[in-house]
Amino acid sequence: MIIDGRRYTSDVIIRPDGVLDNWWRREGHKLHMEDLEKALEVEPEVLVIGTGYSGLMKVPRELLEELKERGIEVVVEETRRAWRTYNELASSGRKVVGAFHLTC
């Protein structure tokens, strides 16, 4: 993934205030709320989750429900589509954060 001219090959979180690279999760292919701590610090309206190029990272239903309860809209897609969705939402002026698994 190339962001502002820089190539990233490890998982990233993109926030309005910058890119956090080397995003590490408790379980590599299963997302937990604690994994999103840095993503949620900026209180996004929308969280776009890229599940990898083959969609191997799982996002449990309970996690999605908790985010919804917090008033956060969530989009979960394979990373190759999710980055486009992120760009569309960010360019529309919404406060969006992206959490992207860049492999698998």
C-alpha atoms as a PDB file:
ATOM      1  CA  MET A   1       0.000   0.000   0.000  1.00  0.00           C
ATOM      2  CA  ILE A   2       1.353   3.440  -0.885  1.00  0.00           C
ATOM      3  CA  ILE A   3       0.319   6.352   1.327  1.00  0.00           C
ATOM      4  CA  ASP A   4       1.582   9.857   0.573  1.00  0.00           C
ATOM      5  CA  GLY A   5       4.370   8.416  -1.572  1.00  0.00           C
ATOM      6  CA  ARG A   6       5.593   5.922   1.036  1.00  0.00           C
ATOM      7  CA  ARG A   7       5.211   2.156   0.539  1.00  0.00           C
ATOM      8  CA  TYR A   8       3.895   0.130   3.482  1.00  0.00           C
ATOM      9  CA  THR A   9       4.209  -3.647   3.585  1.00  0.00           C
ATOM     10  CA  SER A  10       3.087  -4.283   7.163  1.00  0.00           C
ATOM     11  CA  ASP A  11      -0.356  -3.654   8.614  1.00  0.00           C
ATOM     12  CA  VAL A  12      -1.317  -0.010   9.169  1.00  0.00           C
ATOM     13  CA  ILE A  13      -3.850   2.246  10.809  1.00  0.00           C
ATOM     14  CA  ILE A  14      -4.602   5.464   8.944  1.00  0.00           C
ATOM     15  CA  ARG A  15      -6.020   8.280  11.059  1.00  0.00           C
ATOM     16  CA  PRO A  16      -6.726  11.907  10.174  1.00  0.00           C
ATOM     17  CA  ASP A  17      -3.517  12.839  12.020  1.00  0.00           C
ATOM     18  CA  GLY A  18      -1.265  10.334  10.251  1.00  0.00           C
ATOM     19  CA  VAL A  19      -0.278   6.733   9.625  1.00  0.00           C
ATOM     20  CA  LEU A  20       0.572   4.247  12.364  1.00  0.00           C
ATOM     21  CA  ASP A  21       2.603   1.477  10.777  1.00  0.00           C
ATOM     22  CA  ASN A  22       3.430  -1.999  12.048  1.00  0.00           C
ATOM     23  CA  TRP A  23      -0.069  -2.401  13.501  1.00  0.00           C
ATOM     24  CA  TRP A  24       0.087  -5.500  15.666  1.00  0.00           C
ATOM     25  CA  ARG A  25      -2.901  -7.506  16.881  1.00  0.00           C
ATOM     26  CA  ARG A  26      -3.292  -9.945  19.755  1.00  0.00           C
ATOM     27  CA  GLU A  27      -4.203 -12.678  17.266  1.00  0.00           C
ATOM     28  CA  GLY A  28      -2.953 -12.119  13.759  1.00  0.00           C
ATOM     29  CA  HIS A  29      -6.103 -13.160  11.933  1.00  0.00           C
ATOM     30  CA  LYS A  30      -8.802 -12.332  14.476  1.00  0.00           C
ATOM     31  CA  LEU A  31      -9.585  -8.769  15.454  1.00  0.00           C
ATOM     32  CA  HIS A  32     -10.208  -7.776  19.092  1.00  0.00           C
ATOM     33  CA  MET A  33     -11.395  -4.451  20.516  1.00  0.00           C
ATOM     34  CA  GLU A  34      -8.016  -3.872  22.174  1.00  0.00           C
ATOM     35  CA  ASP A  35      -6.410  -4.086  18.713  1.00  0.00           C
ATOM     36  CA  LEU A  36      -8.365  -0.990  17.698  1.00  0.00           C
ATOM     37  CA  GLU A  37      -7.361   1.191  20.652  1.00  0.00           C
ATOM     38  CA  LYS A  38      -5.146   3.515  18.580  1.00  0.00           C
ATOM     39  CA  ALA A  39      -7.695   3.638  15.767  1.00  0.00           C
ATOM     40  CA  LEU A  40     -10.493   4.695  18.101  1.00  0.00           C
ATOM     41  CA  GLU A  41      -8.506   7.347  20.025  1.00  0.00           C
ATOM     42  CA  VAL A  42      -9.510   9.948  17.440  1.00  0.00           C
ATOM     43  CA  GLU A  43     -13.235   9.105  17.740  1.00  0.00           C
ATOM     44  CA  PRO A  44     -13.990   8.345  14.091  1.00  0.00           C
ATOM     45  CA  GLU A  45     -17.431   8.489  12.529  1.00  0.00           C
ATOM     46  CA  VAL A  46     -16.463   5.570  10.305  1.00  0.00           C
ATOM     47  CA  LEU A  47     -13.968   2.751  10.736  1.00  0.00           C
ATOM     48  CA  VAL A  48     -12.915   0.938   7.564  1.00  0.00           C
ATOM     49  CA  ILE A  49     -11.381  -2.464   8.251  1.00  0.00           C
ATOM     50  CA  GLY A  50      -9.349  -4.164   5.540  1.00  0.00           C
ATOM     51  CA  THR A  51      -9.276  -7.901   6.212  1.00  0.00           C
ATOM     52  CA  GLY A  52      -6.324  -8.741   3.964  1.00  0.00           C
ATOM     53  CA  TYR A  53      -6.064  -9.339   0.252  1.00  0.00           C
ATOM     54  CA  SER A  54      -7.765 -12.716   0.619  1.00  0.00           C
ATOM     55  CA  GLY A  55      -9.965 -11.638   3.520  1.00  0.00           C
ATOM     56  CA  LEU A  56      -8.389 -13.963   6.085  1.00  0.00           C
ATOM     57  CA  MET A  57      -8.592 -11.620   9.087  1.00  0.00           C
ATOM     58  CA  LYS A  58     -11.856 -12.272  10.925  1.00  0.00           C
ATOM     59  CA  VAL A  59     -13.945  -9.547  12.549  1.00  0.00           C
ATOM     60  CA  PRO A  60     -16.244 -11.078  15.186  1.00  0.00           C
ATOM     61  CA  ARG A  61     -19.892 -10.051  15.215  1.00  0.00           C
ATOM     62  CA  GLU A  62     -19.568  -9.030  18.895  1.00  0.00           C
ATOM     63  CA  LEU A  63     -16.872  -6.508  17.968  1.00  0.00           C
ATOM     64  CA  LEU A  64     -19.045  -5.016  15.235  1.00  0.00           C
ATOM     65  CA  GLU A  65     -21.963  -4.740  17.660  1.00  0.00           C
ATOM     66  CA  GLU A  66     -19.821  -2.965  20.263  1.00  0.00           C
ATOM     67  CA  LEU A  67     -18.560  -0.469  17.688  1.00  0.00           C
ATOM     68  CA  LYS A  68     -22.131   0.176  16.555  1.00  0.00           C
ATOM     69  CA  GLU A  69     -23.164   0.776  20.187  1.00  0.00           C
ATOM     70  CA  ARG A  70     -20.400   3.396  20.364  1.00  0.00           C
ATOM     71  CA  GLY A  71     -21.938   5.134  17.361  1.00  0.00           C
ATOM     72  CA  ILE A  72     -19.212   4.140  14.918  1.00  0.00           C
ATOM     73  CA  GLU A  73     -20.168   3.058  11.420  1.00  0.00           C
ATOM     74  CA  VAL A  74     -18.021   0.102  10.349  1.00  0.00           C
ATOM     75  CA  VAL A  75     -17.132  -1.081   6.856  1.00  0.00           C
ATOM     76  CA  VAL A  76     -15.428  -4.490   6.591  1.00  0.00           C
ATOM     77  CA  GLU A  77     -13.970  -5.467   3.211  1.00  0.00           C
ATOM     78  CA  GLU A  78     -11.001  -7.233   1.705  1.00  0.00           C
ATOM     79  CA  THR A  79      -8.116  -4.779   1.750  1.00  0.00           C
ATOM     80  CA  ARG A  80      -8.009  -4.339  -2.033  1.00  0.00           C
ATOM     81  CA  ARG A  81     -11.522  -2.826  -1.845  1.00  0.00           C
ATOM     82  CA  ALA A  82     -11.296  -1.304   1.635  1.00  0.00           C
ATOM     83  CA  TRP A  83      -8.593   1.218   0.724  1.00  0.00           C
ATOM     84  CA  ARG A  84     -10.813   2.571  -2.058  1.00  0.00           C
ATOM     85  CA  THR A  85     -13.737   2.854   0.350  1.00  0.00           C
ATOM     86  CA  TYR A  86     -11.478   4.639   2.841  1.00  0.00           C
ATOM     87  CA  ASN A  87     -10.369   7.156   0.192  1.00  0.00           C
ATOM     88  CA  GLU A  88     -13.951   7.813  -0.918  1.00  0.00           C
ATOM     89  CA  LEU A  89     -15.145   8.408   2.653  1.00  0.00           C
ATOM     90  CA  ALA A  90     -12.137  10.545   3.599  1.00  0.00           C
ATOM     91  CA  SER A  91     -12.541  12.723   0.502  1.00  0.00           C
ATOM     92  CA  SER A  92     -16.216  13.244   1.357  1.00  0.00           C
ATOM     93  CA  GLY A  93     -15.192  15.038   4.542  1.00  0.00           C
ATOM     94  CA  ARG A  94     -16.209  12.358   7.020  1.00  0.00           C
ATOM     95  CA  LYS A  95     -13.964  11.580   9.984  1.00  0.00           C
ATOM     96  CA  VAL A  96     -12.730   8.163   8.922  1.00  0.00           C
ATOM     97  CA  VAL A  97     -10.052   5.804  10.193  1.00  0.00           C
ATOM     98  CA  GLY A  98      -8.725   2.802   8.307  1.00  0.00           C
ATOM     99  CA  ALA A  99      -7.259  -0.343   9.844  1.00  0.00           C
ATOM    100  CA  PHE A 100      -5.676  -2.438   7.118  1.00  0.00           C
ATOM    101  CA  HIS A 101      -4.277  -5.975   7.191  1.00  0.00           C
ATOM    102  CA  LEU A 102      -1.934  -5.852   4.200  1.00  0.00           C
ATOM    103  CA  THR A 103      -1.148  -9.516   3.691  1.00  0.00           C
ATOM    104  CA  CYS A 104      -3.180 -12.740   3.425  1.00  0.00           C
END
